[in-house]
mmCIF file of all heavy atoms, coordinates in Angstrom:
data_MODEL
# 
_entry.id   MODEL 
# 
loop_
_atom_site.group_PDB 
_atom_site.id 
_atom_site.type_symbol 
_atom_site.label_atom_id 
_atom_site.label_alt_id 
_atom_site.label_comp_id 
_atom_site.label_asym_id 
_atom_site.label_entity_id 
_atom_site.label_seq_id 
_atom_site.pdbx_PDB_ins_code 
_atom_site.Cartn_x 
_atom_site.Cartn_y 
_atom_site.Cartn_z 
_atom_site.occupancy 
_atom_site.B_iso_or_equiv 
_atom_site.pdbx_formal_charge 
_atom_site.auth_seq_id 
_atom_site.auth_comp_id 
_atom_site.auth_asym_id 
_atom_site.auth_atom_id 
_atom_site.pdbx_PDB_model_num 
ATOM 1   N N   . LEU A 1 1  ? 93.058  92.031  100.083 1.00 0.00 ? 1  LEU A N   1 
ATOM 2   C CA  . LEU A 1 1  ? 92.806  92.809  101.293 1.00 0.00 ? 1  LEU A CA  1 
ATOM 3   C C   . LEU A 1 1  ? 92.965  91.972  102.568 1.00 0.00 ? 1  LEU A C   1 
ATOM 4   O O   . LEU A 1 1  ? 93.637  92.420  103.504 1.00 0.00 ? 1  LEU A O   1 
ATOM 5   C CB  . LEU A 1 1  ? 91.432  93.474  101.231 1.00 0.00 ? 1  LEU A CB  1 
ATOM 6   C CG  . LEU A 1 1  ? 91.059  94.349  102.426 1.00 0.00 ? 1  LEU A CG  1 
ATOM 7   C CD1 . LEU A 1 1  ? 92.085  95.451  102.652 1.00 0.00 ? 1  LEU A CD1 1 
ATOM 8   C CD2 . LEU A 1 1  ? 89.665  94.934  102.213 1.00 0.00 ? 1  LEU A CD2 1 
ATOM 9   N N   . PRO A 1 2  ? 92.395  90.762  102.661 1.00 0.00 ? 2  PRO A N   1 
ATOM 10  C CA  . PRO A 1 2  ? 92.621  89.965  103.878 1.00 0.00 ? 2  PRO A CA  1 
ATOM 11  C C   . PRO A 1 2  ? 94.105  89.664  104.120 1.00 0.00 ? 2  PRO A C   1 
ATOM 12  O O   . PRO A 1 2  ? 94.573  89.695  105.258 1.00 0.00 ? 2  PRO A O   1 
ATOM 13  C CB  . PRO A 1 2  ? 91.831  88.674  103.629 1.00 0.00 ? 2  PRO A CB  1 
ATOM 14  C CG  . PRO A 1 2  ? 90.783  89.056  102.643 1.00 0.00 ? 2  PRO A CG  1 
ATOM 15  C CD  . PRO A 1 2  ? 91.428  90.105  101.762 1.00 0.00 ? 2  PRO A CD  1 
ATOM 16  N N   . ALA A 1 3  ? 94.858  89.415  103.056 1.00 0.00 ? 3  ALA A N   1 
ATOM 17  C CA  . ALA A 1 3  ? 96.296  89.171  103.204 1.00 0.00 ? 3  ALA A CA  1 
ATOM 18  C C   . ALA A 1 3  ? 96.997  90.427  103.702 1.00 0.00 ? 3  ALA A C   1 
ATOM 19  O O   . ALA A 1 3  ? 97.853  90.357  104.597 1.00 0.00 ? 3  ALA A O   1 
ATOM 20  C CB  . ALA A 1 3  ? 96.893  88.717  101.871 1.00 0.00 ? 3  ALA A CB  1 
ATOM 21  N N   . ALA A 1 4  ? 96.646  91.578  103.146 1.00 0.00 ? 4  ALA A N   1 
ATOM 22  C CA  . ALA A 1 4  ? 97.253  92.842  103.576 1.00 0.00 ? 4  ALA A CA  1 
ATOM 23  C C   . ALA A 1 4  ? 96.972  93.095  105.058 1.00 0.00 ? 4  ALA A C   1 
ATOM 24  O O   . ALA A 1 4  ? 97.850  93.537  105.801 1.00 0.00 ? 4  ALA A O   1 
ATOM 25  C CB  . ALA A 1 4  ? 96.729  93.994  102.726 1.00 0.00 ? 4  ALA A CB  1 
ATOM 26  N N   . LYS A 1 5  ? 95.758  92.822  105.486 1.00 0.00 ? 5  LYS A N   1 
ATOM 27  C CA  . LYS A 1 5  ? 95.404  93.001  106.908 1.00 0.00 ? 5  LYS A CA  1 
ATOM 28  C C   . LYS A 1 5  ? 96.233  92.081  107.798 1.00 0.00 ? 5  LYS A C   1 
ATOM 29  O O   . LYS A 1 5  ? 96.690  92.495  108.865 1.00 0.00 ? 5  LYS A O   1 
ATOM 30  C CB  . LYS A 1 5  ? 93.915  92.766  107.114 1.00 0.00 ? 5  LYS A CB  1 
ATOM 31  C CG  . LYS A 1 5  ? 93.067  93.885  106.553 1.00 0.00 ? 5  LYS A CG  1 
ATOM 32  C CD  . LYS A 1 5  ? 91.591  93.641  106.793 1.00 0.00 ? 5  LYS A CD  1 
ATOM 33  C CE  . LYS A 1 5  ? 90.753  94.817  106.296 1.00 0.00 ? 5  LYS A CE  1 
ATOM 34  N NZ  . LYS A 1 5  ? 89.323  94.620  106.552 1.00 0.00 ? 5  LYS A NZ  1 
ATOM 35  N N   . LYS A 1 6  ? 96.453  90.844  107.365 1.00 0.00 ? 6  LYS A N   1 
ATOM 36  C CA  . LYS A 1 6  ? 97.273  89.897  108.127 1.00 0.00 ? 6  LYS A CA  1 
ATOM 37  C C   . LYS A 1 6  ? 98.729  90.362  108.176 1.00 0.00 ? 6  LYS A C   1 
ATOM 38  O O   . LYS A 1 6  ? 99.370  90.313  109.219 1.00 0.00 ? 6  LYS A O   1 
ATOM 39  C CB  . LYS A 1 6  ? 97.172  88.506  107.481 1.00 0.00 ? 6  LYS A CB  1 
ATOM 40  C CG  . LYS A 1 6  ? 98.062  87.448  108.078 1.00 0.00 ? 6  LYS A CG  1 
ATOM 41  C CD  . LYS A 1 6  ? 97.578  87.004  109.423 1.00 0.00 ? 6  LYS A CD  1 
ATOM 42  C CE  . LYS A 1 6  ? 98.393  85.795  109.895 1.00 0.00 ? 6  LYS A CE  1 
ATOM 43  N NZ  . LYS A 1 6  ? 98.439  85.722  111.346 1.00 0.00 ? 6  LYS A NZ  1 
ATOM 44  N N   . ILE A 1 7  ? 99.234  90.835  107.055 1.00 0.00 ? 7  ILE A N   1 
ATOM 45  C CA  . ILE A 1 7  ? 100.616 91.318  106.988 1.00 0.00 ? 7  ILE A CA  1 
ATOM 46  C C   . ILE A 1 7  ? 100.820 92.487  107.954 1.00 0.00 ? 7  ILE A C   1 
ATOM 47  O O   . ILE A 1 7  ? 101.782 92.521  108.721 1.00 0.00 ? 7  ILE A O   1 
ATOM 48  C CB  . ILE A 1 7  ? 100.975 91.722  105.538 1.00 0.00 ? 7  ILE A CB  1 
ATOM 49  C CG1 . ILE A 1 7  ? 101.061 90.473  104.663 1.00 0.00 ? 7  ILE A CG1 1 
ATOM 50  C CG2 . ILE A 1 7  ? 102.263 92.534  105.473 1.00 0.00 ? 7  ILE A CG2 1 
ATOM 51  C CD1 . ILE A 1 7  ? 100.992 90.747  103.175 1.00 0.00 ? 7  ILE A CD1 1 
ATOM 52  N N   . VAL A 1 8  ? 99.893  93.444  107.945 1.00 0.00 ? 8  VAL A N   1 
ATOM 53  C CA  . VAL A 1 8  ? 100.008 94.617  108.820 1.00 0.00 ? 8  VAL A CA  1 
ATOM 54  C C   . VAL A 1 8  ? 99.823  94.213  110.280 1.00 0.00 ? 8  VAL A C   1 
ATOM 55  O O   . VAL A 1 8  ? 100.576 94.654  111.153 1.00 0.00 ? 8  VAL A O   1 
ATOM 56  C CB  . VAL A 1 8  ? 99.004  95.710  108.405 1.00 0.00 ? 8  VAL A CB  1 
ATOM 57  C CG1 . VAL A 1 8  ? 98.981  96.842  109.421 1.00 0.00 ? 8  VAL A CG1 1 
ATOM 58  C CG2 . VAL A 1 8  ? 99.367  96.245  107.023 1.00 0.00 ? 8  VAL A CG2 1 
ATOM 59  N N   . SER A 1 9  ? 98.854  93.373  110.561 1.00 0.00 ? 9  SER A N   1 
ATOM 60  C CA  . SER A 1 9  ? 98.609  92.920  111.933 1.00 0.00 ? 9  SER A CA  1 
ATOM 61  C C   . SER A 1 9  ? 99.847  92.235  112.515 1.00 0.00 ? 9  SER A C   1 
ATOM 62  O O   . SER A 1 9  ? 100.253 92.516  113.650 1.00 0.00 ? 9  SER A O   1 
ATOM 63  C CB  . SER A 1 9  ? 97.412  91.966  111.944 1.00 0.00 ? 9  SER A CB  1 
ATOM 64  O OG  . SER A 1 9  ? 97.264  91.371  113.191 1.00 0.00 ? 9  SER A OG  1 
ATOM 65  N N   . ASP A 1 10 ? 100.458 91.352  111.737 1.00 0.00 ? 10 ASP A N   1 
ATOM 66  C CA  . ASP A 1 10 ? 101.665 90.663  112.205 1.00 0.00 ? 10 ASP A CA  1 
ATOM 67  C C   . ASP A 1 10 ? 102.830 91.631  112.383 1.00 0.00 ? 10 ASP A C   1 
ATOM 68  O O   . ASP A 1 10 ? 103.603 91.520  113.338 1.00 0.00 ? 10 ASP A O   1 
ATOM 69  C CB  . ASP A 1 10 ? 102.044 89.536  111.245 1.00 0.00 ? 10 ASP A CB  1 
ATOM 70  C CG  . ASP A 1 10 ? 101.097 88.344  111.337 1.00 0.00 ? 10 ASP A CG  1 
ATOM 71  O OD1 . ASP A 1 10 ? 100.327 88.259  112.323 1.00 0.00 ? 10 ASP A OD1 1 
ATOM 72  O OD2 . ASP A 1 10 ? 101.125 87.505  110.423 1.00 0.00 ? 10 ASP A OD2 1 
ATOM 73  N N   . ARG A 1 11 ? 102.952 92.594  111.473 1.00 0.00 ? 11 ARG A N   1 
ATOM 74  C CA  . ARG A 1 11 ? 104.029 93.594  111.602 1.00 0.00 ? 11 ARG A CA  1 
ATOM 75  C C   . ARG A 1 11 ? 103.850 94.409  112.870 1.00 0.00 ? 11 ARG A C   1 
ATOM 76  O O   . ARG A 1 11 ? 104.797 94.614  113.629 1.00 0.00 ? 11 ARG A O   1 
ATOM 77  C CB  . ARG A 1 11 ? 104.059 94.521  110.383 1.00 0.00 ? 11 ARG A CB  1 
ATOM 78  C CG  . ARG A 1 11 ? 105.130 95.613  110.490 1.00 0.00 ? 11 ARG A CG  1 
ATOM 79  C CD  . ARG A 1 11 ? 105.100 96.583  109.340 1.00 0.00 ? 11 ARG A CD  1 
ATOM 80  N NE  . ARG A 1 11 ? 103.855 97.296  109.185 1.00 0.00 ? 11 ARG A NE  1 
ATOM 81  C CZ  . ARG A 1 11 ? 103.478 98.338  109.953 1.00 0.00 ? 11 ARG A CZ  1 
ATOM 82  N NH1 . ARG A 1 11 ? 104.229 98.756  110.956 1.00 0.00 ? 11 ARG A NH1 1 
ATOM 83  N NH2 . ARG A 1 11 ? 102.338 98.953  109.712 1.00 0.00 ? 11 ARG A NH2 1 
ATOM 84  N N   . LEU A 1 12 ? 102.630 94.863  113.132 1.00 0.00 ? 12 LEU A N   1 
ATOM 85  C CA  . LEU A 1 12 ? 102.369 95.674  114.325 1.00 0.00 ? 12 LEU A CA  1 
ATOM 86  C C   . LEU A 1 12 ? 102.640 94.880  115.599 1.00 0.00 ? 12 LEU A C   1 
ATOM 87  O O   . LEU A 1 12 ? 103.184 95.412  116.575 1.00 0.00 ? 12 LEU A O   1 
ATOM 88  C CB  . LEU A 1 12 ? 100.938 96.207  114.307 1.00 0.00 ? 12 LEU A CB  1 
ATOM 89  C CG  . LEU A 1 12 ? 100.646 97.263  113.246 1.00 0.00 ? 12 LEU A CG  1 
ATOM 90  C CD1 . LEU A 1 12 ? 99.151  97.559  113.185 1.00 0.00 ? 12 LEU A CD1 1 
ATOM 91  C CD2 . LEU A 1 12 ? 101.447 98.525  113.492 1.00 0.00 ? 12 LEU A CD2 1 
ATOM 92  N N   . ARG A 1 13 ? 102.272 93.607  115.605 1.00 0.00 ? 13 ARG A N   1 
ATOM 93  C CA  . ARG A 1 13 ? 102.519 92.761  116.776 1.00 0.00 ? 13 ARG A CA  1 
ATOM 94  C C   . ARG A 1 13 ? 104.021 92.609  117.009 1.00 0.00 ? 13 ARG A C   1 
ATOM 95  O O   . ARG A 1 13 ? 104.497 92.703  118.136 1.00 0.00 ? 13 ARG A O   1 
ATOM 96  C CB  . ARG A 1 13 ? 101.840 91.404  116.588 1.00 0.00 ? 13 ARG A CB  1 
ATOM 97  C CG  . ARG A 1 13 ? 101.859 90.550  117.827 1.00 0.00 ? 13 ARG A CG  1 
ATOM 98  C CD  . ARG A 1 13 ? 101.022 89.274  117.781 1.00 0.00 ? 13 ARG A CD  1 
ATOM 99  N NE  . ARG A 1 13 ? 100.876 88.626  116.484 1.00 0.00 ? 13 ARG A NE  1 
ATOM 100 C CZ  . ARG A 1 13 ? 99.783  88.712  115.727 1.00 0.00 ? 13 ARG A CZ  1 
ATOM 101 N NH1 . ARG A 1 13 ? 98.743  89.416  116.114 1.00 0.00 ? 13 ARG A NH1 1 
ATOM 102 N NH2 . ARG A 1 13 ? 99.724  88.072  114.567 1.00 0.00 ? 13 ARG A NH2 1 
ATOM 103 N N   . LEU A 1 14 ? 104.780 92.422  115.943 1.00 0.00 ? 14 LEU A N   1 
ATOM 104 C CA  . LEU A 1 14 ? 106.236 92.290  116.067 1.00 0.00 ? 14 LEU A CA  1 
ATOM 105 C C   . LEU A 1 14 ? 106.857 93.593  116.574 1.00 0.00 ? 14 LEU A C   1 
ATOM 106 O O   . LEU A 1 14 ? 107.772 93.576  117.389 1.00 0.00 ? 14 LEU A O   1 
ATOM 107 C CB  . LEU A 1 14 ? 106.850 91.897  114.728 1.00 0.00 ? 14 LEU A CB  1 
ATOM 108 C CG  . LEU A 1 14 ? 108.369 91.732  114.695 1.00 0.00 ? 14 LEU A CG  1 
ATOM 109 C CD1 . LEU A 1 14 ? 108.799 90.570  115.589 1.00 0.00 ? 14 LEU A CD1 1 
ATOM 110 C CD2 . LEU A 1 14 ? 108.853 91.492  113.279 1.00 0.00 ? 14 LEU A CD2 1 
ATOM 111 N N   . GLN A 1 15 ? 106.342 94.732  116.118 1.00 0.00 ? 15 GLN A N   1 
ATOM 112 C CA  . GLN A 1 15 ? 106.891 96.032  116.506 1.00 0.00 ? 15 GLN A CA  1 
ATOM 113 C C   . GLN A 1 15 ? 106.568 96.395  117.950 1.00 0.00 ? 15 GLN A C   1 
ATOM 114 O O   . GLN A 1 15 ? 107.239 97.259  118.525 1.00 0.00 ? 15 GLN A O   1 
ATOM 115 C CB  . GLN A 1 15 ? 106.354 97.132  115.588 1.00 0.00 ? 15 GLN A CB  1 
ATOM 116 C CG  . GLN A 1 15 ? 106.989 97.107  114.230 1.00 0.00 ? 15 GLN A CG  1 
ATOM 117 C CD  . GLN A 1 15 ? 106.441 98.195  113.338 1.00 0.00 ? 15 GLN A CD  1 
ATOM 118 O OE1 . GLN A 1 15 ? 105.853 97.883  112.318 1.00 0.00 ? 15 GLN A OE1 1 
ATOM 119 N NE2 . GLN A 1 15 ? 106.604 99.444  113.712 1.00 0.00 ? 15 GLN A NE2 1 
ATOM 120 N N   . ASP A 1 16 ? 105.560 95.796  118.528 1.00 0.00 ? 16 ASP A N   1 
ATOM 121 C CA  . ASP A 1 16 ? 105.213 96.026  119.932 1.00 0.00 ? 16 ASP A CA  1 
ATOM 122 C C   . ASP A 1 16 ? 105.025 97.514  120.239 1.00 0.00 ? 16 ASP A C   1 
ATOM 123 O O   . ASP A 1 16 ? 105.596 98.040  121.189 1.00 0.00 ? 16 ASP A O   1 
ATOM 124 C CB  . ASP A 1 16 ? 106.271 95.399  120.836 1.00 0.00 ? 16 ASP A CB  1 
ATOM 125 C CG  . ASP A 1 16 ? 105.809 95.261  122.271 1.00 0.00 ? 16 ASP A CG  1 
ATOM 126 O OD1 . ASP A 1 16 ? 104.597 95.163  122.517 1.00 0.00 ? 16 ASP A OD1 1 
ATOM 127 O OD2 . ASP A 1 16 ? 106.694 95.272  123.164 1.00 0.00 ? 16 ASP A OD2 1 
ATOM 128 N N   . HIS A 1 17 ? 104.266 98.215  119.401 1.00 0.00 ? 17 HIS A N   1 
ATOM 129 C CA  . HIS A 1 17 ? 103.899 99.633  119.581 1.00 0.00 ? 17 HIS A CA  1 
ATOM 130 C C   . HIS A 1 17 ? 105.079 100.600 119.460 1.00 0.00 ? 17 HIS A C   1 
ATOM 131 O O   . HIS A 1 17 ? 105.031 101.709 119.977 1.00 0.00 ? 17 HIS A O   1 
ATOM 132 C CB  . HIS A 1 17 ? 103.174 99.854  120.912 1.00 0.00 ? 17 HIS A CB  1 
ATOM 133 C CG  . HIS A 1 17 ? 101.975 98.992  121.073 1.00 0.00 ? 17 HIS A CG  1 
ATOM 134 N ND1 . HIS A 1 17 ? 100.830 99.165  120.344 1.00 0.00 ? 17 HIS A ND1 1 
ATOM 135 C CD2 . HIS A 1 17 ? 101.752 97.919  121.858 1.00 0.00 ? 17 HIS A CD2 1 
ATOM 136 C CE1 . HIS A 1 17 ? 99.946  98.250  120.676 1.00 0.00 ? 17 HIS A CE1 1 
ATOM 137 N NE2 . HIS A 1 17 ? 100.481 97.471  121.593 1.00 0.00 ? 17 HIS A NE2 1 
ATOM 138 N N   . ILE A 1 18 ? 106.131 100.179 118.792 1.00 0.00 ? 18 ILE A N   1 
ATOM 139 C CA  . ILE A 1 18 ? 107.292 101.037 118.584 1.00 0.00 ? 18 ILE A CA  1 
ATOM 140 C C   . ILE A 1 18 ? 107.355 101.413 117.106 1.00 0.00 ? 18 ILE A C   1 
ATOM 141 O O   . ILE A 1 18 ? 107.345 100.550 116.229 1.00 0.00 ? 18 ILE A O   1 
ATOM 142 C CB  . ILE A 1 18 ? 108.605 100.338 119.003 1.00 0.00 ? 18 ILE A CB  1 
ATOM 143 C CG1 . ILE A 1 18 ? 108.555 100.048 120.507 1.00 0.00 ? 18 ILE A CG1 1 
ATOM 144 C CG2 . ILE A 1 18 ? 109.820 101.172 118.642 1.00 0.00 ? 18 ILE A CG2 1 
ATOM 145 C CD1 . ILE A 1 18 ? 109.667 99.148  120.993 1.00 0.00 ? 18 ILE A CD1 1 
ATOM 146 N N   . SER A 1 19 ? 107.403 102.709 116.815 1.00 0.00 ? 19 SER A N   1 
ATOM 147 C CA  . SER A 1 19 ? 107.471 103.194 115.442 1.00 0.00 ? 19 SER A CA  1 
ATOM 148 C C   . SER A 1 19 ? 108.873 102.955 114.879 1.00 0.00 ? 19 SER A C   1 
ATOM 149 O O   . SER A 1 19 ? 109.874 103.270 115.534 1.00 0.00 ? 19 SER A O   1 
ATOM 150 C CB  . SER A 1 19 ? 107.133 104.689 115.416 1.00 0.00 ? 19 SER A CB  1 
ATOM 151 O OG  . SER A 1 19 ? 107.136 105.164 114.104 1.00 0.00 ? 19 SER A OG  1 
ATOM 152 N N   . LEU A 1 20 ? 108.936 102.400 113.668 1.00 0.00 ? 20 LEU A N   1 
ATOM 153 C CA  . LEU A 1 20 ? 110.214 102.053 113.050 1.00 0.00 ? 20 LEU A CA  1 
ATOM 154 C C   . LEU A 1 20 ? 110.205 102.374 111.561 1.00 0.00 ? 20 LEU A C   1 
ATOM 155 O O   . LEU A 1 20 ? 109.149 102.373 110.930 1.00 0.00 ? 20 LEU A O   1 
ATOM 156 C CB  . LEU A 1 20 ? 110.468 100.538 113.173 1.00 0.00 ? 20 LEU A CB  1 
ATOM 157 C CG  . LEU A 1 20 ? 110.650 99.957  114.557 1.00 0.00 ? 20 LEU A CG  1 
ATOM 158 C CD1 . LEU A 1 20 ? 110.595 98.439  114.502 1.00 0.00 ? 20 LEU A CD1 1 
ATOM 159 C CD2 . LEU A 1 20 ? 111.966 100.418 115.154 1.00 0.00 ? 20 LEU A CD2 1 
ATOM 160 N N   . PRO A 1 21 ? 111.372 102.607 110.966 1.00 0.00 ? 21 PRO A N   1 
ATOM 161 C CA  . PRO A 1 21 ? 111.458 102.623 109.513 1.00 0.00 ? 21 PRO A CA  1 
ATOM 162 C C   . PRO A 1 21 ? 111.319 101.185 109.009 1.00 0.00 ? 21 PRO A C   1 
ATOM 163 O O   . PRO A 1 21 ? 111.747 100.239 109.682 1.00 0.00 ? 21 PRO A O   1 
ATOM 164 C CB  . PRO A 1 21 ? 112.854 103.186 109.225 1.00 0.00 ? 21 PRO A CB  1 
ATOM 165 C CG  . PRO A 1 21 ? 113.597 103.140 110.502 1.00 0.00 ? 21 PRO A CG  1 
ATOM 166 C CD  . PRO A 1 21 ? 112.642 102.935 111.614 1.00 0.00 ? 21 PRO A CD  1 
ATOM 167 N N   . VAL A 1 22 ? 110.707 101.027 107.826 1.00 0.00 ? 22 VAL A N   1 
ATOM 168 C CA  . VAL A 1 22 ? 110.412 99.685  107.321 1.00 0.00 ? 22 VAL A CA  1 
ATOM 169 C C   . VAL A 1 22 ? 110.938 99.518  105.897 1.00 0.00 ? 22 VAL A C   1 
ATOM 170 O O   . VAL A 1 22 ? 110.659 100.340 105.023 1.00 0.00 ? 22 VAL A O   1 
ATOM 171 C CB  . VAL A 1 22 ? 108.888 99.412  107.355 1.00 0.00 ? 22 VAL A CB  1 
ATOM 172 C CG1 . VAL A 1 22 ? 108.572 98.041  106.764 1.00 0.00 ? 22 VAL A CG1 1 
ATOM 173 C CG2 . VAL A 1 22 ? 108.354 99.513  108.780 1.00 0.00 ? 22 VAL A CG2 1 
ATOM 174 N N   . LEU A 1 23 ? 111.683 98.441  105.694 1.00 0.00 ? 23 LEU A N   1 
ATOM 175 C CA  . LEU A 1 23 ? 112.122 98.044  104.373 1.00 0.00 ? 23 LEU A CA  1 
ATOM 176 C C   . LEU A 1 23 ? 111.188 96.929  103.902 1.00 0.00 ? 23 LEU A C   1 
ATOM 177 O O   . LEU A 1 23 ? 111.028 95.927  104.600 1.00 0.00 ? 23 LEU A O   1 
ATOM 178 C CB  . LEU A 1 23 ? 113.567 97.525  104.425 1.00 0.00 ? 23 LEU A CB  1 
ATOM 179 C CG  . LEU A 1 23 ? 114.150 97.084  103.088 1.00 0.00 ? 23 LEU A CG  1 
ATOM 180 C CD1 . LEU A 1 23 ? 115.614 97.481  103.016 1.00 0.00 ? 23 LEU A CD1 1 
ATOM 181 C CD2 . LEU A 1 23 ? 113.996 95.605  102.862 1.00 0.00 ? 23 LEU A CD2 1 
ATOM 182 N N   . CYS A 1 24 ? 110.538 97.130  102.766 1.00 0.00 ? 24 CYS A N   1 
ATOM 183 C CA  . CYS A 1 24 ? 109.648 96.113  102.173 1.00 0.00 ? 24 CYS A CA  1 
ATOM 184 C C   . CYS A 1 24 ? 110.288 95.609  100.900 1.00 0.00 ? 24 CYS A C   1 
ATOM 185 O O   . CYS A 1 24 ? 110.326 96.330  99.910  1.00 0.00 ? 24 CYS A O   1 
ATOM 186 C CB  . CYS A 1 24 ? 108.277 96.700  101.856 1.00 0.00 ? 24 CYS A CB  1 
ATOM 187 S SG  . CYS A 1 24 ? 107.292 97.060  103.292 1.00 0.00 ? 24 CYS A SG  1 
ATOM 188 N N   . ASN A 1 25 ? 110.771 94.390  100.931 1.00 0.00 ? 25 ASN A N   1 
ATOM 189 C CA  . ASN A 1 25 ? 111.368 93.810  99.738  1.00 0.00 ? 25 ASN A CA  1 
ATOM 190 C C   . ASN A 1 25 ? 110.306 92.998  99.013  1.00 0.00 ? 25 ASN A C   1 
ATOM 191 O O   . ASN A 1 25 ? 109.877 91.954  99.492  1.00 0.00 ? 25 ASN A O   1 
ATOM 192 C CB  . ASN A 1 25 ? 112.565 92.940  100.099 1.00 0.00 ? 25 ASN A CB  1 
ATOM 193 C CG  . ASN A 1 25 ? 113.351 92.526  98.883  1.00 0.00 ? 25 ASN A CG  1 
ATOM 194 O OD1 . ASN A 1 25 ? 112.782 92.155  97.866  1.00 0.00 ? 25 ASN A OD1 1 
ATOM 195 N ND2 . ASN A 1 25 ? 114.666 92.590  98.995  1.00 0.00 ? 25 ASN A ND2 1 
# 
């Protein structure tokens, strides 16, 4: 769970409040 929260937090910061399609490999 802490790793998942970090992954999502970093993704949201990179996206800068812009909704995008996401490829998760």
